[in-house]
Amino acid sequence: MAAKPTNIKALETGTGQCWEFWQKFLESIHAKDLPHDEFARKVNAHDANVWWSQDVTVAYE
């Protein structure tokens, strides 16, 4: 499980989801095994805001 990113409050506010939610979601899609672009697309499909999708992706990596 990835460590909490330093900008956790902003990420949670921006996405409307807690970091624990994102960790569970990312584990469910096997994000650690995906190339960055596919990983980001899956997050973006779940959260339509590209900015926050990228933030979630980078925070988890």
N, C-alpha and C. Protein backbone atom coordinates (compact mmCIF):
# COMPACT_ATOMS: atom_id res chain seq x y z
N MET A 1 0.85 -1.18 0.00
CA MET A 1 0.00 0.00 0.00
C MET A 1 0.89 1.23 0.00
N ALA A 2 0.58 2.18 -0.84
CA ALA A 2 1.38 3.39 -0.96
C ALA A 2 1.22 4.28 0.27
N ALA A 3 2.26 5.02 0.57
CA ALA A 3 2.20 5.98 1.68
C ALA A 3 1.28 7.12 1.32
N LYS A 4 0.80 7.81 2.35
CA LYS A 4 -0.06 8.97 2.09
C LYS A 4 0.76 10.07 1.42
N PRO A 5 0.21 10.66 0.36
CA PRO A 5 0.90 11.78 -0.28
C PRO A 5 0.90 12.99 0.65
N THR A 6 1.83 13.91 0.43
CA THR A 6 1.92 15.08 1.30
C THR A 6 0.74 16.02 1.12
N ASN A 7 0.09 15.98 -0.03
CA ASN A 7 -1.04 16.87 -0.30
C ASN A 7 -2.38 16.16 -0.11
N ILE A 8 -2.46 15.30 0.88
CA ILE A 8 -3.64 14.47 1.09
C ILE A 8 -4.93 15.28 1.23
N LYS A 9 -4.89 16.36 1.98
CA LYS A 9 -6.11 17.16 2.18
C LYS A 9 -6.61 17.73 0.86
N ALA A 10 -5.71 18.26 0.06
CA ALA A 10 -6.11 18.82 -1.24
C ALA A 10 -6.66 17.73 -2.15
N LEU A 11 -6.02 16.58 -2.16
CA LEU A 11 -6.47 15.47 -2.99
C LEU A 11 -7.87 15.00 -2.55
N GLU A 12 -8.06 14.88 -1.26
CA GLU A 12 -9.37 14.45 -0.75
C GLU A 12 -10.45 15.49 -1.04
N THR A 13 -10.12 16.75 -0.87
CA THR A 13 -11.09 17.82 -1.15
C THR A 13 -11.41 17.86 -2.64
N GLY A 14 -10.38 17.79 -3.45
CA GLY A 14 -10.56 17.88 -4.90
C GLY A 14 -11.34 16.73 -5.50
N THR A 15 -11.12 15.52 -4.97
CA THR A 15 -11.81 14.35 -5.53
C THR A 15 -13.09 14.00 -4.80
N GLY A 16 -13.23 14.52 -3.58
CA GLY A 16 -14.40 14.16 -2.78
C GLY A 16 -14.30 12.77 -2.19
N GLN A 17 -13.12 12.17 -2.24
CA GLN A 17 -12.90 10.82 -1.70
C GLN A 17 -11.68 10.84 -0.78
N CYS A 18 -11.72 10.01 0.25
CA CYS A 18 -10.57 9.91 1.15
C CYS A 18 -9.46 9.10 0.49
N TRP A 19 -8.24 9.28 0.99
CA TRP A 19 -7.09 8.57 0.42
C TRP A 19 -7.27 7.06 0.54
N GLU A 20 -7.87 6.57 1.61
CA GLU A 20 -8.09 5.14 1.77
C GLU A 20 -8.99 4.60 0.66
N PHE A 21 -10.00 5.39 0.26
CA PHE A 21 -10.85 4.98 -0.87
C PHE A 21 -10.00 4.78 -2.11
N TRP A 22 -9.14 5.76 -2.39
CA TRP A 22 -8.30 5.68 -3.60
C TRP A 22 -7.36 4.49 -3.53
N GLN A 23 -6.79 4.23 -2.38
CA GLN A 23 -5.90 3.07 -2.26
C GLN A 23 -6.64 1.78 -2.58
N LYS A 24 -7.83 1.62 -2.04
CA LYS A 24 -8.62 0.41 -2.31
C LYS A 24 -8.99 0.32 -3.79
N PHE A 25 -9.41 1.44 -4.37
CA PHE A 25 -9.76 1.46 -5.79
C PHE A 25 -8.55 1.08 -6.64
N LEU A 26 -7.41 1.69 -6.35
CA LEU A 26 -6.20 1.44 -7.13
C LEU A 26 -5.72 0.00 -6.99
N GLU A 27 -5.84 -0.55 -5.81
CA GLU A 27 -5.50 -1.96 -5.63
C GLU A 27 -6.45 -2.85 -6.42
N SER A 28 -7.72 -2.48 -6.48
CA SER A 28 -8.71 -3.29 -7.20
C SER A 28 -8.47 -3.33 -8.71
N ILE A 29 -7.83 -2.30 -9.24
CA ILE A 29 -7.52 -2.28 -10.68
C ILE A 29 -6.07 -2.71 -10.95
N HIS A 30 -5.38 -3.14 -9.90
CA HIS A 30 -3.97 -3.58 -10.01
C HIS A 30 -3.11 -2.48 -10.61
N ALA A 31 -3.29 -1.28 -10.08
CA ALA A 31 -2.61 -0.10 -10.62
C ALA A 31 -1.09 -0.24 -10.65
N LYS A 32 -0.52 -0.89 -9.65
CA LYS A 32 0.95 -1.00 -9.60
C LYS A 32 1.51 -1.80 -10.78
N ASP A 33 0.66 -2.58 -11.44
CA ASP A 33 1.09 -3.39 -12.57
C ASP A 33 0.80 -2.73 -13.92
N LEU A 34 0.18 -1.56 -13.90
CA LEU A 34 -0.21 -0.89 -15.15
C LEU A 34 0.81 0.17 -15.56
N PRO A 35 0.94 0.38 -16.88
CA PRO A 35 1.75 1.53 -17.33
C PRO A 35 1.05 2.82 -16.90
N HIS A 36 1.83 3.86 -16.71
CA HIS A 36 1.31 5.13 -16.20
C HIS A 36 0.08 5.62 -16.97
N ASP A 37 0.13 5.60 -18.31
CA ASP A 37 -0.99 6.15 -19.09
C ASP A 37 -2.28 5.36 -18.89
N GLU A 38 -2.18 4.04 -18.82
CA GLU A 38 -3.39 3.23 -18.60
C GLU A 38 -3.92 3.43 -17.19
N PHE A 39 -3.04 3.49 -16.25
CA PHE A 39 -3.37 3.75 -14.85
C PHE A 39 -4.13 5.07 -14.74
N ALA A 40 -3.59 6.12 -15.34
CA ALA A 40 -4.22 7.45 -15.30
C ALA A 40 -5.59 7.43 -15.98
N ARG A 41 -5.72 6.72 -17.09
CA ARG A 41 -7.02 6.64 -17.79
C ARG A 41 -8.07 5.97 -16.91
N LYS A 42 -7.69 4.93 -16.20
CA LYS A 42 -8.65 4.24 -15.33
C LYS A 42 -9.09 5.14 -14.17
N VAL A 43 -8.15 5.87 -13.62
CA VAL A 43 -8.51 6.81 -12.55
C VAL A 43 -9.40 7.90 -13.12
N ASN A 44 -9.06 8.41 -14.30
CA ASN A 44 -9.85 9.47 -14.93
C ASN A 44 -11.27 8.99 -15.25
N ALA A 45 -11.42 7.73 -15.63
CA ALA A 45 -12.75 7.19 -15.92
C ALA A 45 -13.60 7.15 -14.65
N HIS A 46 -12.94 7.04 -13.51
CA HIS A 46 -13.66 7.01 -12.23
C HIS A 46 -13.92 8.41 -11.70
N ASP A 47 -13.00 9.33 -11.97
CA ASP A 47 -13.12 10.72 -11.52
C ASP A 47 -12.86 11.60 -12.73
N ALA A 48 -13.88 12.24 -13.26
CA ALA A 48 -13.79 12.94 -14.54
C ALA A 48 -12.86 14.15 -14.56
N ASN A 49 -12.37 14.58 -13.42
CA ASN A 49 -11.49 15.73 -13.38
C ASN A 49 -10.05 15.29 -13.65
N VAL A 50 -9.52 15.68 -14.81
CA VAL A 50 -8.19 15.24 -15.23
C VAL A 50 -7.11 15.67 -14.23
N TRP A 51 -7.21 16.87 -13.71
CA TRP A 51 -6.21 17.35 -12.75
C TRP A 51 -6.09 16.41 -11.56
N TRP A 52 -7.23 16.10 -10.94
CA TRP A 52 -7.20 15.26 -9.75
C TRP A 52 -6.88 13.81 -10.09
N SER A 53 -7.29 13.37 -11.24
CA SER A 53 -6.94 12.01 -11.67
C SER A 53 -5.43 11.86 -11.76
N GLN A 54 -4.78 12.85 -12.32
CA GLN A 54 -3.33 12.83 -12.44
C GLN A 54 -2.68 12.90 -11.05
N ASP A 55 -3.26 13.69 -10.17
CA ASP A 55 -2.74 13.82 -8.81
C ASP A 55 -2.82 12.48 -8.07
N VAL A 56 -3.94 11.80 -8.20
CA VAL A 56 -4.11 10.49 -7.58
C VAL A 56 -3.08 9.52 -8.15
N THR A 57 -2.92 9.54 -9.45
CA THR A 57 -1.98 8.64 -10.12
C THR A 57 -0.56 8.86 -9.62
N VAL A 58 -0.11 10.10 -9.61
CA VAL A 58 1.25 10.42 -9.18
C VAL A 58 1.43 10.12 -7.69
N ALA A 59 0.44 10.42 -6.88
CA ALA A 59 0.54 10.16 -5.45
C ALA A 59 0.72 8.67 -5.16
N TYR A 60 0.04 7.84 -5.91
CA TYR A 60 0.12 6.39 -5.68
C TYR A 60 1.42 5.79 -6.19
N GLU A 61 1.92 6.36 -7.27
CA GLU A 61 3.17 5.84 -7.84
C GLU A 61 4.31 6.13 -6.91
